[in-house]
Every structure is written in structure tokens, then in C-alpha cells.
């Protein structure tokens, strides 16, 4: 749907917030789950596209020995509540306003578990 942020637009937004970021993109939750590892500094997960898969990816990120900070993008309060319960560090509307995403990225990376 047009009100959900495309992965390319999201990648451009993150890249403009952190120019030095190396981005890994996954168009499906099943792929994203395979990419989540302790080498990842931050996960930005679109919960709207595949709520069950997005929540599973979020849980995987938080269950690692060194949990990966995670931002959940969700357009409804119900999905944001599910994401928070699954361990999301930050919740952002979907599509995200640039400034809202920027603040969420900085806050998520400032958490002690994000220090490498």
C-alpha cells in the first residue's frame, strides 16, 4: 500500500541519517531473520508488511547473546504494542517521518547494548 514505507525509501532515509552505514536489506521477513546476527548494529523492521514475520525477526534480534537494537515501523497502535512486547527499542509510525526516524535511530544506537 502507498502508506507503507518502501524498503528503498527507508534505506535512503537511514543512509541520510548515517552516511557511513552499511545497509543490509531484506524484502521478506524470512530473509531478514537469516541476516540478523551480532554483527548487525541496528535493525529497522517494517511490522506492517508481514506482522508475524516482522515480530519473529524482532524477537530473534533481541534473543542474540548481544541483542541487536531494533526499531519497529508500524501504522497501528495494536502492531506497535505487539512490537514493544517483542522487545522493540523504539517504535515509529509507518510511513515514518524523517525526523521521527532520525530520533529513533539515534536513541536506539545510544542504548548500552548498541555500544560495540
C-alpha atoms as a PDB file:
ATOM      1  CA  UNK A   1       0.000   0.000   0.000  1.00  0.00           C
ATOM      2  CA  UNK A   2       1.165   3.546  -0.621  1.00  0.00           C
ATOM      3  CA  UNK A   3       1.063   4.456   3.069  1.00  0.00           C
ATOM      4  CA  UNK A   4       3.749   1.936   3.957  1.00  0.00           C
ATOM      5  CA  UNK A   5       7.367   2.956   3.517  1.00  0.00           C
ATOM      6  CA  UNK A   6       9.151   1.100   0.701  1.00  0.00           C
ATOM      7  CA  UNK A   7      12.399  -0.621   1.640  1.00  0.00           C
ATOM      8  CA  UNK A   8      14.333   1.531  -0.847  1.00  0.00           C
ATOM      9  CA  UNK A   9      12.920   4.757   0.597  1.00  0.00           C
ATOM     10  CA  UNK A  10      13.643   3.522   4.109  1.00  0.00           C
ATOM     11  CA  UNK A  11      17.217   2.650   3.115  1.00  0.00           C
ATOM     12  CA  UNK A  12      17.718   6.145   1.667  1.00  0.00           C
ATOM     13  CA  UNK A  13      16.353   7.701   4.869  1.00  0.00           C
ATOM     14  CA  UNK A  14      18.678   5.644   7.091  1.00  0.00           C
ATOM     15  CA  UNK A  15      21.626   6.381   4.788  1.00  0.00           C
ATOM     16  CA  UNK A  16      20.924  10.113   5.051  1.00  0.00           C
ATOM     17  CA  UNK A  17      20.847   9.837   8.859  1.00  0.00           C
ATOM     18  CA  UNK A  18      24.064   7.806   8.982  1.00  0.00           C
ATOM     19  CA  UNK A  19      26.088   8.308   5.817  1.00  0.00           C
ATOM     20  CA  UNK A  20      28.652   5.692   6.824  1.00  0.00           C
ATOM     21  CA  UNK A  21      26.053   2.971   7.399  1.00  0.00           C
ATOM     22  CA  UNK A  22      26.394  -0.321   5.568  1.00  0.00           C
ATOM     23  CA  UNK A  23      22.865  -1.481   4.848  1.00  0.00           C
ATOM     24  CA  UNK A  24      21.510  -4.994   4.514  1.00  0.00           C
ATOM     25  CA  UNK A  25      18.008  -5.044   3.054  1.00  0.00           C
ATOM     26  CA  UNK A  26      15.528  -7.894   3.094  1.00  0.00           C
ATOM     27  CA  UNK A  27      12.225  -7.794   1.278  1.00  0.00           C
ATOM     28  CA  UNK A  28      10.832 -10.719   3.284  1.00  0.00           C
ATOM     29  CA  UNK A  29      10.868 -11.499   6.986  1.00  0.00           C
ATOM     30  CA  UNK A  30      12.244 -14.989   6.335  1.00  0.00           C
ATOM     31  CA  UNK A  31      15.292 -13.429   4.673  1.00  0.00           C
ATOM     32  CA  UNK A  32      15.629 -10.784   7.389  1.00  0.00           C
ATOM     33  CA  UNK A  33      15.718 -13.479  10.072  1.00  0.00           C
ATOM     34  CA  UNK A  34      18.728 -15.067   8.354  1.00  0.00           C
ATOM     35  CA  UNK A  35      20.569 -11.711   8.210  1.00  0.00           C
ATOM     36  CA  UNK A  36      20.136 -10.817  11.887  1.00  0.00           C
ATOM     37  CA  UNK A  37      23.353 -11.529  13.756  1.00  0.00           C
ATOM     38  CA  UNK A  38      25.526  -9.940  16.427  1.00  0.00           C
ATOM     39  CA  UNK A  39      27.400  -8.180  13.598  1.00  0.00           C
ATOM     40  CA  UNK A  40      24.333  -6.035  12.904  1.00  0.00           C
ATOM     41  CA  UNK A  41      24.366  -2.675  14.705  1.00  0.00           C
ATOM     42  CA  UNK A  42      20.698  -1.785  14.221  1.00  0.00           C
ATOM     43  CA  UNK A  43      17.580  -3.458  12.809  1.00  0.00           C
ATOM     44  CA  UNK A  44      14.767  -1.363  11.341  1.00  0.00           C
ATOM     45  CA  UNK A  45      11.814  -3.710  10.914  1.00  0.00           C
ATOM     46  CA  UNK A  46       8.606  -2.998   8.991  1.00  0.00           C
ATOM     47  CA  UNK A  47       5.914  -4.754  11.001  1.00  0.00           C
ATOM     48  CA  UNK A  48       3.041  -3.771   8.680  1.00  0.00           C
ATOM     49  CA  UNK A  49       4.067  -5.819   5.639  1.00  0.00           C
ATOM     50  CA  UNK A  50       4.206  -9.165   7.457  1.00  0.00           C
ATOM     51  CA  UNK A  51       3.262  -8.727  11.123  1.00  0.00           C
ATOM     52  CA  UNK A  52       4.012 -12.300  12.171  1.00  0.00           C
ATOM     53  CA  UNK A  53       7.334 -12.405  10.298  1.00  0.00           C
ATOM     54  CA  UNK A  54       8.335  -8.941  11.471  1.00  0.00           C
ATOM     55  CA  UNK A  55       7.662  -9.812  15.107  1.00  0.00           C
ATOM     56  CA  UNK A  56       9.630 -13.071  14.693  1.00  0.00           C
ATOM     57  CA  UNK A  57      12.581 -11.110  13.259  1.00  0.00           C
ATOM     58  CA  UNK A  58      12.352  -8.646  16.128  1.00  0.00           C
ATOM     59  CA  UNK A  59      12.368 -11.457  18.689  1.00  0.00           C
ATOM     60  CA  UNK A  60      15.370 -13.059  17.002  1.00  0.00           C
ATOM     61  CA  UNK A  61      17.270  -9.761  17.141  1.00  0.00           C
ATOM     62  CA  UNK A  62      16.600  -9.466  20.873  1.00  0.00           C
ATOM     63  CA  UNK A  63      17.478 -13.105  21.704  1.00  0.00           C
ATOM     64  CA  UNK A  64      21.073 -12.942  20.458  1.00  0.00           C
ATOM     65  CA  UNK A  65      23.868 -13.068  23.046  1.00  0.00           C
ATOM     66  CA  UNK A  66      24.409  -9.385  22.255  1.00  0.00           C
ATOM     67  CA  UNK A  67      20.907  -8.155  21.415  1.00  0.00           C
ATOM     68  CA  UNK A  68      20.594  -6.011  18.302  1.00  0.00           C
ATOM     69  CA  UNK A  69      18.898  -2.652  18.901  1.00  0.00           C
ATOM     70  CA  UNK A  70      15.643  -2.650  16.944  1.00  0.00           C
ATOM     71  CA  UNK A  71      13.259  -0.037  15.607  1.00  0.00           C
ATOM     72  CA  UNK A  72       9.783  -1.236  14.647  1.00  0.00           C
ATOM     73  CA  UNK A  73       7.795   0.580  11.971  1.00  0.00           C
ATOM     74  CA  UNK A  74       4.063   0.058  12.434  1.00  0.00           C
ATOM     75  CA  UNK A  75       0.998   2.015  11.341  1.00  0.00           C
ATOM     76  CA  UNK A  76      -1.365   0.878  14.096  1.00  0.00           C
ATOM     77  CA  UNK A  77      -1.265   1.020  17.882  1.00  0.00           C
ATOM     78  CA  UNK A  78      -2.009  -2.715  18.052  1.00  0.00           C
ATOM     79  CA  UNK A  79       1.066  -3.587  15.959  1.00  0.00           C
ATOM     80  CA  UNK A  80       3.227  -1.109  17.899  1.00  0.00           C
ATOM     81  CA  UNK A  81       2.062  -2.758  21.142  1.00  0.00           C
ATOM     82  CA  UNK A  82       2.990  -6.210  19.764  1.00  0.00           C
ATOM     83  CA  UNK A  83       6.378  -4.882  18.664  1.00  0.00           C
ATOM     84  CA  UNK A  84       7.040  -3.340  22.080  1.00  0.00           C
ATOM     85  CA  UNK A  85       6.109  -6.651  23.765  1.00  0.00           C
ATOM     86  CA  UNK A  86       8.544  -8.451  21.424  1.00  0.00           C
ATOM     87  CA  UNK A  87      11.357  -6.148  22.560  1.00  0.00           C
ATOM     88  CA  UNK A  88      11.446  -3.194  20.143  1.00  0.00           C
ATOM     89  CA  UNK A  89      13.701  -0.460  21.487  1.00  0.00           C
ATOM     90  CA  UNK A  90      11.923   2.244  19.504  1.00  0.00           C
ATOM     91  CA  UNK A  91       8.527   2.463  17.808  1.00  0.00           C
ATOM     92  CA  UNK A  92       7.941   4.631  14.754  1.00  0.00           C
ATOM     93  CA  UNK A  93       4.841   5.218  12.665  1.00  0.00           C
ATOM     94  CA  UNK A  94       4.697   3.808   9.170  1.00  0.00           C
ATOM     95  CA  UNK A  95       5.478   5.530   6.914  1.00  0.00           C
ATOM     96  CA  UNK A  96       7.982   7.247   9.201  1.00  0.00           C
ATOM     97  CA  UNK A  97       8.548  10.975   9.197  1.00  0.00           C
ATOM     98  CA  UNK A  98      12.251  11.598   8.575  1.00  0.00           C
ATOM     99  CA  UNK A  99      12.729  13.457  11.863  1.00  0.00           C
ATOM    100  CA  UNK A 100      10.925  10.743  13.833  1.00  0.00           C
ATOM    101  CA  UNK A 101      13.120   8.044  12.281  1.00  0.00           C
ATOM    102  CA  UNK A 102      16.241  10.120  12.881  1.00  0.00           C
ATOM    103  CA  UNK A 103      15.473  10.470  16.600  1.00  0.00           C
ATOM    104  CA  UNK A 104      14.634   6.749  16.875  1.00  0.00           C
ATOM    105  CA  UNK A 105      17.927   5.734  15.196  1.00  0.00           C
ATOM    106  CA  UNK A 106      19.968   7.950  17.488  1.00  0.00           C
ATOM    107  CA  UNK A 107      18.144   6.755  20.620  1.00  0.00           C
ATOM    108  CA  UNK A 108      18.406   3.076  19.650  1.00  0.00           C
ATOM    109  CA  UNK A 109      22.124   3.356  18.933  1.00  0.00           C
ATOM    110  CA  UNK A 110      22.724   5.276  22.178  1.00  0.00           C
ATOM    111  CA  UNK A 111      21.498   2.355  24.287  1.00  0.00           C
ATOM    112  CA  UNK A 112      24.283   0.497  26.148  1.00  0.00           C
ATOM    113  CA  UNK A 113      23.751  -2.734  24.205  1.00  0.00           C
ATOM    114  CA  UNK A 114      24.461  -0.817  20.984  1.00  0.00           C
ATOM    115  CA  UNK A 115      27.986   0.089  22.089  1.00  0.00           C
ATOM    116  CA  UNK A 116      30.442  -2.188  20.316  1.00  0.00           C
END
